[in-house]
Protein backbone atom coordinates (compact mmCIF):
# COMPACT_ATOMS: atom_id res chain seq x y z
CA UNK A 1 0.00 0.00 0.00
CA UNK A 2 1.23 3.49 -0.84
CA UNK A 3 2.18 5.90 1.90
CA UNK A 4 0.42 9.22 2.32
CA UNK A 5 3.58 11.02 1.15
CA UNK A 6 3.73 8.90 -2.03
CA UNK A 7 0.07 9.68 -2.75
CA UNK A 8 0.76 13.38 -2.27
CA UNK A 9 3.76 13.17 -4.61
CA UNK A 10 1.56 11.45 -7.17
CA UNK A 11 -1.09 14.20 -6.99
CA UNK A 12 1.53 16.94 -7.24
CA UNK A 13 3.11 15.21 -10.22
CA UNK A 14 -0.29 14.72 -11.85
CA UNK A 15 -0.95 18.45 -11.47
CA UNK A 16 2.43 19.23 -13.05
CA UNK A 17 1.62 16.90 -15.93
CA UNK A 18 -1.75 18.64 -16.42
CA UNK A 19 0.06 21.99 -16.56
CA UNK A 20 2.45 20.56 -19.16
CA UNK A 21 -0.55 19.36 -21.21
CA UNK A 22 -2.13 22.81 -21.15
CA UNK A 23 1.18 24.46 -22.09
CA UNK A 24 1.69 21.93 -24.88
CA UNK A 25 -1.69 22.63 -26.49
CA UNK A 26 -1.45 26.41 -26.03
CA UNK A 27 -4.94 26.79 -27.52
CA UNK A 28 -7.60 26.70 -24.81
CA UNK A 29 -10.10 25.16 -27.22
CA UNK A 30 -8.19 21.89 -27.04
CA UNK A 31 -7.72 21.51 -23.27
CA UNK A 32 -10.88 19.40 -23.00
CA UNK A 33 -10.15 15.84 -21.83
CA UNK A 34 -11.99 14.53 -24.89
CA UNK A 35 -9.27 15.97 -27.13
CA UNK A 36 -6.74 14.14 -25.00
CA UNK A 37 -8.68 10.93 -25.63
CA UNK A 38 -8.82 11.68 -29.37
CA UNK A 39 -5.17 12.61 -29.76
CA UNK A 40 -3.82 9.74 -27.66
CA UNK A 41 -6.21 7.28 -29.34
CA UNK A 42 -4.91 8.32 -32.75
CA UNK A 43 -1.33 8.13 -31.51
CA UNK A 44 -1.88 4.64 -30.09
CA UNK A 45 -3.46 3.41 -33.32
CA UNK A 46 -0.11 4.00 -35.12
CA UNK A 47 -1.86 4.20 -38.50
CA UNK A 48 -4.62 6.27 -40.09
CA UNK A 49 -8.17 5.41 -39.02
CA UNK A 50 -11.63 6.07 -40.34
CA UNK A 51 -13.54 8.95 -38.81
CA UNK A 52 -16.05 6.57 -37.22
CA UNK A 53 -13.23 4.88 -35.34
CA UNK A 54 -11.71 8.20 -34.21
CA UNK A 55 -15.08 9.38 -32.90
CA UNK A 56 -15.19 6.30 -30.66
CA UNK A 57 -11.94 7.38 -28.97
CA UNK A 58 -13.96 10.18 -27.34
CA UNK A 59 -15.92 7.80 -25.14
CA UNK A 60 -17.43 10.51 -22.92
CA UNK A 61 -19.22 12.30 -25.77
CA UNK A 62 -22.20 11.49 -27.92
CA UNK A 63 -21.45 10.70 -31.55
CA UNK A 64 -22.64 14.05 -32.94
CA UNK A 65 -20.63 16.06 -30.40
CA UNK A 66 -17.56 13.87 -30.95
CA UNK A 67 -17.82 14.50 -34.70
CA UNK A 68 -17.83 18.25 -34.02
CA UNK A 69 -14.71 17.89 -31.87
CA UNK A 70 -13.02 15.88 -34.61
CA UNK A 71 -13.98 18.39 -37.30
CA UNK A 72 -12.60 21.24 -35.16
CA UNK A 73 -9.25 19.46 -34.79
CA UNK A 74 -9.15 18.87 -38.56
CA UNK A 75 -10.07 22.50 -39.21
CA UNK A 76 -7.19 23.65 -36.98
CA UNK A 77 -4.73 21.31 -38.73
CA UNK A 78 -4.01 19.13 -35.68
CA UNK A 79 -5.47 16.14 -37.48
CA UNK A 80 -5.18 15.59 -41.24
CA UNK A 81 -7.33 13.72 -43.68
CA UNK A 82 -5.72 11.39 -46.21
CA UNK A 83 -7.20 9.19 -48.94
CA UNK A 84 -8.39 5.76 -47.81
CA UNK A 85 -6.33 3.21 -49.77
CA UNK A 86 -9.20 0.70 -49.53
CA UNK A 87 -11.96 3.06 -50.72
CA UNK A 88 -11.20 5.88 -53.15
CA UNK A 89 -14.31 7.78 -52.04
CA UNK A 90 -13.44 7.74 -48.35
CA UNK A 91 -10.83 9.42 -46.17
CA UNK A 92 -8.85 8.36 -43.16
CA UNK A 93 -7.44 10.61 -40.50
CA UNK A 94 -4.18 10.80 -38.62
CA UNK A 95 -2.32 13.19 -36.37
CA UNK A 96 -0.50 15.99 -38.14
CA UNK A 97 3.24 15.42 -38.03
CA UNK A 98 3.73 18.42 -35.75
CA UNK A 99 1.09 17.17 -33.28
CA UNK A 100 2.61 13.67 -33.32
CA UNK A 101 6.07 15.04 -32.55
CA UNK A 102 4.65 17.35 -29.89
CA UNK A 103 2.72 14.52 -28.24
CA UNK A 104 5.81 12.36 -28.08
CA UNK A 105 7.79 15.20 -26.53
CA UNK A 106 4.97 15.72 -24.02
CA UNK A 107 4.93 11.99 -23.20
CA UNK A 108 8.68 12.07 -22.58
CA UNK A 109 8.34 15.07 -20.23
CA UNK A 110 5.42 13.45 -18.41
CA UNK A 111 7.37 10.20 -17.96
CA UNK A 112 10.30 12.17 -16.51
CA UNK A 113 7.94 14.05 -14.18
CA UNK A 114 6.49 10.81 -12.86
CA UNK A 115 9.88 9.13 -12.60
CA UNK A 116 11.16 12.04 -10.54
CA UNK A 117 7.96 12.67 -8.58
CA UNK A 118 7.50 9.09 -7.45
CA UNK A 119 11.10 8.48 -6.34
CA UNK A 120 10.53 10.09 -2.94
C-alpha atoms as a PDB file:
ATOM      1  CA  UNK A   1       0.000   0.000   0.000  1.00  0.00           C
ATOM      2  CA  UNK A   2       1.230   3.492  -0.841  1.00  0.00           C
ATOM      3  CA  UNK A   3       2.183   5.896   1.895  1.00  0.00           C
ATOM      4  CA  UNK A   4       0.419   9.225   2.318  1.00  0.00           C
ATOM      5  CA  UNK A   5       3.582  11.024   1.149  1.00  0.00           C
ATOM      6  CA  UNK A   6       3.731   8.900  -2.026  1.00  0.00           C
ATOM      7  CA  UNK A   7       0.072   9.680  -2.749  1.00  0.00           C
ATOM      8  CA  UNK A   8       0.765  13.384  -2.270  1.00  0.00           C
ATOM      9  CA  UNK A   9       3.760  13.171  -4.614  1.00  0.00           C
ATOM     10  CA  UNK A  10       1.555  11.452  -7.167  1.00  0.00           C
ATOM     11  CA  UNK A  11      -1.093  14.202  -6.989  1.00  0.00           C
ATOM     12  CA  UNK A  12       1.530  16.942  -7.240  1.00  0.00           C
ATOM     13  CA  UNK A  13       3.109  15.207 -10.219  1.00  0.00           C
ATOM     14  CA  UNK A  14      -0.286  14.716 -11.847  1.00  0.00           C
ATOM     15  CA  UNK A  15      -0.948  18.450 -11.468  1.00  0.00           C
ATOM     16  CA  UNK A  16       2.432  19.229 -13.048  1.00  0.00           C
ATOM     17  CA  UNK A  17       1.615  16.902 -15.927  1.00  0.00           C
ATOM     18  CA  UNK A  18      -1.748  18.643 -16.417  1.00  0.00           C
ATOM     19  CA  UNK A  19       0.058  21.993 -16.558  1.00  0.00           C
ATOM     20  CA  UNK A  20       2.448  20.556 -19.157  1.00  0.00           C
ATOM     21  CA  UNK A  21      -0.553  19.357 -21.209  1.00  0.00           C
ATOM     22  CA  UNK A  22      -2.134  22.814 -21.147  1.00  0.00           C
ATOM     23  CA  UNK A  23       1.177  24.458 -22.088  1.00  0.00           C
ATOM     24  CA  UNK A  24       1.694  21.930 -24.884  1.00  0.00           C
ATOM     25  CA  UNK A  25      -1.688  22.626 -26.489  1.00  0.00           C
ATOM     26  CA  UNK A  26      -1.450  26.409 -26.025  1.00  0.00           C
ATOM     27  CA  UNK A  27      -4.937  26.791 -27.517  1.00  0.00           C
ATOM     28  CA  UNK A  28      -7.598  26.702 -24.813  1.00  0.00           C
ATOM     29  CA  UNK A  29     -10.103  25.164 -27.217  1.00  0.00           C
ATOM     30  CA  UNK A  30      -8.192  21.886 -27.040  1.00  0.00           C
ATOM     31  CA  UNK A  31      -7.725  21.513 -23.271  1.00  0.00           C
ATOM     32  CA  UNK A  32     -10.876  19.403 -22.996  1.00  0.00           C
ATOM     33  CA  UNK A  33     -10.147  15.837 -21.832  1.00  0.00           C
ATOM     34  CA  UNK A  34     -11.993  14.531 -24.886  1.00  0.00           C
ATOM     35  CA  UNK A  35      -9.274  15.967 -27.126  1.00  0.00           C
ATOM     36  CA  UNK A  36      -6.738  14.138 -24.996  1.00  0.00           C
ATOM     37  CA  UNK A  37      -8.680  10.932 -25.632  1.00  0.00           C
ATOM     38  CA  UNK A  38      -8.821  11.679 -29.367  1.00  0.00           C
ATOM     39  CA  UNK A  39      -5.171  12.606 -29.758  1.00  0.00           C
ATOM     40  CA  UNK A  40      -3.820   9.739 -27.663  1.00  0.00           C
ATOM     41  CA  UNK A  41      -6.206   7.281 -29.342  1.00  0.00           C
ATOM     42  CA  UNK A  42      -4.908   8.319 -32.748  1.00  0.00           C
ATOM     43  CA  UNK A  43      -1.326   8.128 -31.515  1.00  0.00           C
ATOM     44  CA  UNK A  44      -1.880   4.640 -30.089  1.00  0.00           C
ATOM     45  CA  UNK A  45      -3.457   3.412 -33.325  1.00  0.00           C
ATOM     46  CA  UNK A  46      -0.112   3.998 -35.121  1.00  0.00           C
ATOM     47  CA  UNK A  47      -1.863   4.195 -38.500  1.00  0.00           C
ATOM     48  CA  UNK A  48      -4.620   6.268 -40.090  1.00  0.00           C
ATOM     49  CA  UNK A  49      -8.167   5.406 -39.015  1.00  0.00           C
ATOM     50  CA  UNK A  50     -11.631   6.066 -40.344  1.00  0.00           C
ATOM     51  CA  UNK A  51     -13.536   8.947 -38.809  1.00  0.00           C
ATOM     52  CA  UNK A  52     -16.048   6.571 -37.224  1.00  0.00           C
ATOM     53  CA  UNK A  53     -13.233   4.879 -35.338  1.00  0.00           C
ATOM     54  CA  UNK A  54     -11.712   8.198 -34.210  1.00  0.00           C
ATOM     55  CA  UNK A  55     -15.080   9.379 -32.899  1.00  0.00           C
ATOM     56  CA  UNK A  56     -15.191   6.301 -30.663  1.00  0.00           C
ATOM     57  CA  UNK A  57     -11.941   7.382 -28.970  1.00  0.00           C
ATOM     58  CA  UNK A  58     -13.956  10.176 -27.344  1.00  0.00           C
ATOM     59  CA  UNK A  59     -15.923   7.796 -25.139  1.00  0.00           C
ATOM     60  CA  UNK A  60     -17.425  10.510 -22.918  1.00  0.00           C
ATOM     61  CA  UNK A  61     -19.217  12.297 -25.767  1.00  0.00           C
ATOM     62  CA  UNK A  62     -22.204  11.487 -27.919  1.00  0.00           C
ATOM     63  CA  UNK A  63     -21.450  10.697 -31.549  1.00  0.00           C
ATOM     64  CA  UNK A  64     -22.635  14.050 -32.941  1.00  0.00           C
ATOM     65  CA  UNK A  65     -20.630  16.058 -30.402  1.00  0.00           C
ATOM     66  CA  UNK A  66     -17.558  13.869 -30.952  1.00  0.00           C
ATOM     67  CA  UNK A  67     -17.821  14.502 -34.704  1.00  0.00           C
ATOM     68  CA  UNK A  68     -17.830  18.252 -34.020  1.00  0.00           C
ATOM     69  CA  UNK A  69     -14.707  17.893 -31.867  1.00  0.00           C
ATOM     70  CA  UNK A  70     -13.021  15.881 -34.610  1.00  0.00           C
ATOM     71  CA  UNK A  71     -13.980  18.393 -37.298  1.00  0.00           C
ATOM     72  CA  UNK A  72     -12.602  21.237 -35.163  1.00  0.00           C
ATOM     73  CA  UNK A  73      -9.249  19.457 -34.792  1.00  0.00           C
ATOM     74  CA  UNK A  74      -9.148  18.869 -38.563  1.00  0.00           C
ATOM     75  CA  UNK A  75     -10.073  22.502 -39.214  1.00  0.00           C
ATOM     76  CA  UNK A  76      -7.188  23.648 -36.977  1.00  0.00           C
ATOM     77  CA  UNK A  77      -4.731  21.307 -38.727  1.00  0.00           C
ATOM     78  CA  UNK A  78      -4.014  19.131 -35.683  1.00  0.00           C
ATOM     79  CA  UNK A  79      -5.474  16.138 -37.478  1.00  0.00           C
ATOM     80  CA  UNK A  80      -5.178  15.593 -41.237  1.00  0.00           C
ATOM     81  CA  UNK A  81      -7.328  13.716 -43.679  1.00  0.00           C
ATOM     82  CA  UNK A  82      -5.717  11.394 -46.213  1.00  0.00           C
ATOM     83  CA  UNK A  83      -7.203   9.188 -48.942  1.00  0.00           C
ATOM     84  CA  UNK A  84      -8.393   5.756 -47.815  1.00  0.00           C
ATOM     85  CA  UNK A  85      -6.334   3.208 -49.770  1.00  0.00           C
ATOM     86  CA  UNK A  86      -9.204   0.696 -49.526  1.00  0.00           C
ATOM     87  CA  UNK A  87     -11.955   3.056 -50.720  1.00  0.00           C
ATOM     88  CA  UNK A  88     -11.197   5.880 -53.146  1.00  0.00           C
ATOM     89  CA  UNK A  89     -14.314   7.776 -52.037  1.00  0.00           C
ATOM     90  CA  UNK A  90     -13.436   7.738 -48.348  1.00  0.00           C
ATOM     91  CA  UNK A  91     -10.831   9.425 -46.174  1.00  0.00           C
ATOM     92  CA  UNK A  92      -8.852   8.361 -43.164  1.00  0.00           C
ATOM     93  CA  UNK A  93      -7.442  10.610 -40.505  1.00  0.00           C
ATOM     94  CA  UNK A  94      -4.183  10.804 -38.622  1.00  0.00           C
ATOM     95  CA  UNK A  95      -2.321  13.191 -36.374  1.00  0.00           C
ATOM     96  CA  UNK A  96      -0.500  15.990 -38.138  1.00  0.00           C
ATOM     97  CA  UNK A  97       3.236  15.416 -38.033  1.00  0.00           C
ATOM     98  CA  UNK A  98       3.735  18.416 -35.751  1.00  0.00           C
ATOM     99  CA  UNK A  99       1.094  17.166 -33.279  1.00  0.00           C
ATOM    100  CA  UNK A 100       2.606  13.668 -33.319  1.00  0.00           C
ATOM    101  CA  UNK A 101       6.070  15.036 -32.555  1.00  0.00           C
ATOM    102  CA  UNK A 102       4.648  17.352 -29.890  1.00  0.00           C
ATOM    103  CA  UNK A 103       2.724  14.524 -28.239  1.00  0.00           C
ATOM    104  CA  UNK A 104       5.811  12.356 -28.078  1.00  0.00           C
ATOM    105  CA  UNK A 105       7.791  15.204 -26.525  1.00  0.00           C
ATOM    106  CA  UNK A 106       4.972  15.723 -24.021  1.00  0.00           C
ATOM    107  CA  UNK A 107       4.932  11.990 -23.198  1.00  0.00           C
ATOM    108  CA  UNK A 108       8.681  12.067 -22.582  1.00  0.00           C
ATOM    109  CA  UNK A 109       8.336  15.073 -20.234  1.00  0.00           C
ATOM    110  CA  UNK A 110       5.417  13.448 -18.407  1.00  0.00           C
ATOM    111  CA  UNK A 111       7.370  10.201 -17.964  1.00  0.00           C
ATOM    112  CA  UNK A 112      10.304  12.165 -16.510  1.00  0.00           C
ATOM    113  CA  UNK A 113       7.940  14.046 -14.181  1.00  0.00           C
ATOM    114  CA  UNK A 114       6.490  10.813 -12.856  1.00  0.00           C
ATOM    115  CA  UNK A 115       9.880   9.132 -12.603  1.00  0.00           C
ATOM    116  CA  UNK A 116      11.165  12.045 -10.535  1.00  0.00           C
ATOM    117  CA  UNK A 117       7.962  12.667  -8.578  1.00  0.00           C
ATOM    118  CA  UNK A 118       7.497   9.087  -7.447  1.00  0.00           C
ATOM    119  CA  UNK A 119      11.095   8.481  -6.339  1.00  0.00           C
ATOM    120  CA  UNK A 120      10.532  10.087  -2.945  1.00  0.00           C
END
